[in-house]
Amino acid sequence: MLLDRPVFRRLFLLGALATRGVTLGVRGIALDREGHVCLVRHTYVAGWHLPGGGVERGETAHDAMVREFREEAEIEAQAPLRLLGLFHSEVGAARDHIALFQAPAFSLRGPKAPDREIAESGFFPLDALPEGTTRATAARLRELQEGLFPALQW
């Protein structure tokens, strides 16, 4: 398939961004019992990120995050997710917004195998995030950990 090749996948994503109006994405914070956070490394963009993605037509932001947790990290929410904030993001397009959720209770369905979208996922101590953790990811985690008012920009 054409989208299996990174260059075509990246071109497809850029084209999709250029033709959309306002977009809504989701990201999620899942902390295990030891206080380690789940992060994912994508195949098509550099860095470690909180799990997440786009909200599909007819889908609520909450349901999109439940789906993204499952697809990207094998996380199964055991309780409704908690909305932590809504952020403006200029990274993809100036019209992007990201809803940030936290999973108060979850289980793991099993280890996440790499696939076309996710190269790697894992849980990391908040004080020892992996090299390459994105600025926005580190900032959101710091805000949560220190009880800071969230920034308006992703």
C-alpha atoms as a PDB file:
ATOM      1  CA  MET A   1       0.000   0.000   0.000  1.00  0.00           C
ATOM      2  CA  LEU A   2       1.233   3.484  -0.848  1.00  0.00           C
ATOM      3  CA  LEU A   3       0.670   4.874   2.649  1.00  0.00           C
ATOM      4  CA  ASP A   4       3.004   2.220   4.069  1.00  0.00           C
ATOM      5  CA  ARG A   5       5.914   4.367   2.807  1.00  0.00           C
ATOM      6  CA  PRO A   6       6.802   7.212   5.223  1.00  0.00           C
ATOM      7  CA  VAL A   7       7.237   9.861   2.530  1.00  0.00           C
ATOM      8  CA  PHE A   8       3.768   9.215   1.072  1.00  0.00           C
ATOM      9  CA  ARG A   9       2.203   9.029   4.524  1.00  0.00           C
ATOM     10  CA  ARG A  10       3.731  12.430   5.424  1.00  0.00           C
ATOM     11  CA  LEU A  11       2.525  13.984   2.141  1.00  0.00           C
ATOM     12  CA  PHE A  12      -0.967  12.598   2.743  1.00  0.00           C
ATOM     13  CA  LEU A  13      -1.071  14.090   6.254  1.00  0.00           C
ATOM     14  CA  LEU A  14       0.136  17.490   5.018  1.00  0.00           C
ATOM     15  CA  GLY A  15      -2.507  17.468   2.272  1.00  0.00           C
ATOM     16  CA  ALA A  16      -5.214  16.576   4.758  1.00  0.00           C
ATOM     17  CA  LEU A  17      -4.157  19.431   7.036  1.00  0.00           C
ATOM     18  CA  ALA A  18      -4.151  21.930   4.185  1.00  0.00           C
ATOM     19  CA  THR A  19      -7.718  21.112   3.126  1.00  0.00           C
ATOM     20  CA  ARG A  20      -9.422  21.046   6.535  1.00  0.00           C
ATOM     21  CA  GLY A  21     -11.137  23.760   8.531  1.00  0.00           C
ATOM     22  CA  VAL A  22     -10.767  23.765  12.286  1.00  0.00           C
ATOM     23  CA  THR A  23      -9.408  20.451  13.504  1.00  0.00           C
ATOM     24  CA  LEU A  24      -9.748  18.817  16.889  1.00  0.00           C
ATOM     25  CA  GLY A  25      -7.232  16.353  18.192  1.00  0.00           C
ATOM     26  CA  VAL A  26      -6.882  14.567  21.499  1.00  0.00           C
ATOM     27  CA  ARG A  27      -3.979  13.586  23.728  1.00  0.00           C
ATOM     28  CA  GLY A  28      -4.127  11.555  26.912  1.00  0.00           C
ATOM     29  CA  ILE A  29      -2.190  11.177  30.126  1.00  0.00           C
ATOM     30  CA  ALA A  30      -2.161   7.701  31.657  1.00  0.00           C
ATOM     31  CA  LEU A  31      -0.156   7.309  34.863  1.00  0.00           C
ATOM     32  CA  ASP A  32       0.367   3.804  36.208  1.00  0.00           C
ATOM     33  CA  ARG A  33       0.429   2.872  39.923  1.00  0.00           C
ATOM     34  CA  GLU A  34       4.129   3.773  40.124  1.00  0.00           C
ATOM     35  CA  GLY A  35       3.445   7.221  38.648  1.00  0.00           C
ATOM     36  CA  HIS A  36       5.008   6.399  35.288  1.00  0.00           C
ATOM     37  CA  VAL A  37       3.444   8.026  32.226  1.00  0.00           C
ATOM     38  CA  CYS A  38       2.627   6.313  28.950  1.00  0.00           C
ATOM     39  CA  LEU A  39       4.375   7.814  25.917  1.00  0.00           C
ATOM     40  CA  VAL A  40       4.440   6.743  22.280  1.00  0.00           C
ATOM     41  CA  ARG A  41       6.906   7.221  19.439  1.00  0.00           C
ATOM     42  CA  HIS A  42       5.263   7.494  16.036  1.00  0.00           C
ATOM     43  CA  THR A  43       6.642   6.203  12.736  1.00  0.00           C
ATOM     44  CA  TYR A  44       5.910   9.457  10.892  1.00  0.00           C
ATOM     45  CA  VAL A  45       7.021  12.227  13.289  1.00  0.00           C
ATOM     46  CA  ALA A  46      10.006  12.564  15.623  1.00  0.00           C
ATOM     47  CA  GLY A  47       9.864  12.496  19.386  1.00  0.00           C
ATOM     48  CA  TRP A  48       7.965  10.916  22.249  1.00  0.00           C
ATOM     49  CA  HIS A  49       4.352  12.043  22.629  1.00  0.00           C
ATOM     50  CA  LEU A  50       1.326  11.428  24.785  1.00  0.00           C
ATOM     51  CA  PRO A  51      -0.986   8.965  23.011  1.00  0.00           C
ATOM     52  CA  GLY A  52      -3.599  10.650  20.866  1.00  0.00           C
ATOM     53  CA  GLY A  53      -4.821  11.577  17.423  1.00  0.00           C
ATOM     54  CA  GLY A  54      -7.692  13.103  15.521  1.00  0.00           C
ATOM     55  CA  VAL A  55     -11.366  13.133  16.377  1.00  0.00           C
ATOM     56  CA  GLU A  56     -13.305  11.347  13.638  1.00  0.00           C
ATOM     57  CA  ARG A  57     -16.591  12.550  12.161  1.00  0.00           C
ATOM     58  CA  GLY A  58     -19.477  11.660  14.500  1.00  0.00           C
ATOM     59  CA  GLU A  59     -17.122  10.848  17.389  1.00  0.00           C
ATOM     60  CA  THR A  60     -16.896  12.742  20.679  1.00  0.00           C
ATOM     61  CA  ALA A  61     -13.489  13.920  21.842  1.00  0.00           C
ATOM     62  CA  HIS A  62     -13.828  11.601  24.862  1.00  0.00           C
ATOM     63  CA  ASP A  63     -14.567   8.582  22.667  1.00  0.00           C
ATOM     64  CA  ALA A  64     -11.700   9.501  20.338  1.00  0.00           C
ATOM     65  CA  MET A  65      -9.272   9.470  23.271  1.00  0.00           C
ATOM     66  CA  VAL A  66     -10.606   6.142  24.539  1.00  0.00           C
ATOM     67  CA  ARG A  67     -10.028   4.756  21.016  1.00  0.00           C
ATOM     68  CA  GLU A  68      -6.550   6.311  20.698  1.00  0.00           C
ATOM     69  CA  PHE A  69      -5.460   4.925  24.084  1.00  0.00           C
ATOM     70  CA  ARG A  70      -6.498   1.462  22.901  1.00  0.00           C
ATOM     71  CA  GLU A  71      -4.975   1.747  19.404  1.00  0.00           C
ATOM     72  CA  GLU A  72      -1.684   3.390  20.359  1.00  0.00           C
ATOM     73  CA  ALA A  73      -0.879   1.862  23.747  1.00  0.00           C
ATOM     74  CA  GLU A  74      -3.274  -1.047  24.460  1.00  0.00           C
ATOM     75  CA  ILE A  75      -4.760   1.019  27.306  1.00  0.00           C
ATOM     76  CA  GLU A  76      -8.362   0.200  28.208  1.00  0.00           C
ATOM     77  CA  ALA A  77     -10.085   2.963  30.189  1.00  0.00           C
ATOM     78  CA  GLN A  78     -11.900   1.626  33.254  1.00  0.00           C
ATOM     79  CA  ALA A  79     -13.647   4.917  34.087  1.00  0.00           C
ATOM     80  CA  PRO A  80     -14.646   8.060  32.192  1.00  0.00           C
ATOM     81  CA  LEU A  81     -11.670  10.175  31.205  1.00  0.00           C
ATOM     82  CA  ARG A  82     -11.149  13.554  32.852  1.00  0.00           C
ATOM     83  CA  LEU A  83     -10.786  16.607  30.577  1.00  0.00           C
ATOM     84  CA  LEU A  84      -7.742  18.625  31.678  1.00  0.00           C
ATOM     85  CA  GLY A  85      -7.826  21.396  29.093  1.00  0.00           C
ATOM     86  CA  LEU A  86      -8.267  22.596  25.542  1.00  0.00           C
ATOM     87  CA  PHE A  87      -5.194  23.948  23.790  1.00  0.00           C
ATOM     88  CA  HIS A  88      -4.485  25.816  20.568  1.00  0.00           C
ATOM     89  CA  SER A  89      -1.784  24.225  18.426  1.00  0.00           C
ATOM     90  CA  GLU A  90       0.035  25.905  15.560  1.00  0.00           C
ATOM     91  CA  VAL A  91       2.287  22.922  14.870  1.00  0.00           C
ATOM     92  CA  GLY A  92       0.169  21.378  12.089  1.00  0.00           C
ATOM     93  CA  ALA A  93      -2.007  24.299  11.090  1.00  0.00           C
ATOM     94  CA  ALA A  94      -3.075  27.513  12.799  1.00  0.00           C
ATOM     95  CA  ARG A  95      -6.607  26.065  13.119  1.00  0.00           C
ATOM     96  CA  ASP A  96      -5.736  23.060  15.278  1.00  0.00           C
ATOM     97  CA  HIS A  97      -6.969  22.462  18.819  1.00  0.00           C
ATOM     98  CA  ILE A  98      -6.091  19.639  21.205  1.00  0.00           C
ATOM     99  CA  ALA A  99      -8.246  18.336  24.052  1.00  0.00           C
ATOM    100  CA  LEU A 100      -6.107  16.842  26.814  1.00  0.00           C
ATOM    101  CA  PHE A 101      -7.585  14.041  28.909  1.00  0.00           C
ATOM    102  CA  GLN A 102      -6.384  11.960  31.835  1.00  0.00           C
ATOM    103  CA  ALA A 103      -7.305   8.335  32.441  1.00  0.00           C
ATOM    104  CA  PRO A 104      -8.096   8.022  36.176  1.00  0.00           C
ATOM    105  CA  ALA A 105      -8.313   4.225  35.957  1.00  0.00           C
ATOM    106  CA  PHE A 106      -7.185   1.850  33.223  1.00  0.00           C
ATOM    107  CA  SER A 107      -5.851  -1.593  32.492  1.00  0.00           C
ATOM    108  CA  LEU A 108      -3.394  -2.792  29.883  1.00  0.00           C
ATOM    109  CA  ARG A 109      -4.729  -5.226  27.302  1.00  0.00           C
ATOM    110  CA  GLY A 110      -1.181  -6.488  26.699  1.00  0.00           C
ATOM    111  CA  PRO A 111       2.091  -5.218  25.279  1.00  0.00           C
ATOM    112  CA  LYS A 112       1.796  -2.845  22.312  1.00  0.00           C
ATOM    113  CA  ALA A 113       3.355  -4.340  19.198  1.00  0.00           C
ATOM    114  CA  PRO A 114       4.890  -1.883  16.733  1.00  0.00           C
ATOM    115  CA  ASP A 115       2.705  -1.158  13.698  1.00  0.00           C
ATOM    116  CA  ARG A 116       2.492   1.298  10.784  1.00  0.00           C
ATOM    117  CA  GLU A 117       1.731   4.201  13.110  1.00  0.00           C
ATOM    118  CA  ILE A 118       3.400   3.388  16.438  1.00  0.00           C
ATOM    119  CA  ALA A 119       7.083   2.461  16.479  1.00  0.00           C
ATOM    120  CA  GLU A 120       7.269   2.097  20.238  1.00  0.00           C
ATOM    121  CA  SER A 121       5.323   2.780  23.439  1.00  0.00           C
ATOM    122  CA  GLY A 122       6.150   2.525  27.101  1.00  0.00           C
ATOM    123  CA  PHE A 123       5.772   3.903  30.613  1.00  0.00           C
ATOM    124  CA  PHE A 124       8.411   6.305  31.935  1.00  0.00           C
ATOM    125  CA  PRO A 125       9.066   8.006  35.291  1.00  0.00           C
ATOM    126  CA  LEU A 126       7.984  11.656  35.229  1.00  0.00           C
ATOM    127  CA  ASP A 127      11.459  12.708  36.384  1.00  0.00           C
ATOM    128  CA  ALA A 128      13.224  10.611  33.712  1.00  0.00           C
ATOM    129  CA  LEU A 129      11.346  11.122  30.430  1.00  0.00           C
ATOM    130  CA  PRO A 130      13.046   9.601  27.389  1.00  0.00           C
ATOM    131  CA  GLU A 131      15.339  11.693  25.240  1.00  0.00           C
ATOM    132  CA  GLY A 132      13.308  13.274  22.473  1.00  0.00           C
ATOM    133  CA  THR A 133      10.176  13.876  24.549  1.00  0.00           C
ATOM    134  CA  THR A 134       8.457  16.800  22.847  1.00  0.00           C
ATOM    135  CA  ARG A 135       8.402  20.211  24.479  1.00  0.00           C
ATOM    136  CA  ALA A 136       4.578  20.246  24.657  1.00  0.00           C
ATOM    137  CA  THR A 137       4.440  16.763  26.201  1.00  0.00           C
ATOM    138  CA  ALA A 138       6.966  17.704  28.911  1.00  0.00           C
ATOM    139  CA  ALA A 139       5.134  20.991  29.562  1.00  0.00           C
ATOM    140  CA  ARG A 140       1.712  19.328  29.996  1.00  0.00           C
ATOM    141  CA  LEU A 141       3.194  16.754  32.372  1.00  0.00           C
ATOM    142  CA  ARG A 142       4.963  19.451  34.388  1.00  0.00           C
ATOM    143  CA  GLU A 143       1.717  21.449  34.643  1.00  0.00           C
ATOM    144  CA  LEU A 144      -0.152  18.398  35.921  1.00  0.00           C
ATOM    145  CA  GLN A 145       2.572  17.321  38.329  1.00  0.00           C
ATOM    146  CA  GLU A 146       3.094  20.808  39.803  1.00  0.00           C
ATOM    147  CA  GLY A 147      -0.564  21.848  39.775  1.00  0.00           C
ATOM    148  CA  LEU A 148       0.165  24.748  37.415  1.00  0.00           C
ATOM    149  CA  PHE A 149      -2.456  26.543  35.374  1.00  0.00           C
ATOM    150  CA  PRO A 150      -2.243  24.990  31.885  1.00  0.00           C
ATOM    151  CA  ALA A 151      -0.798  27.052  29.042  1.00  0.00           C
ATOM    152  CA  LEU A 152      -3.192  28.088  26.283  1.00  0.00           C
ATOM    153  CA  GLN A 153      -0.840  26.932  23.497  1.00  0.00           C
ATOM    154  CA  TRP A 154       0.062  23.306  22.966  1.00  0.00           C
END
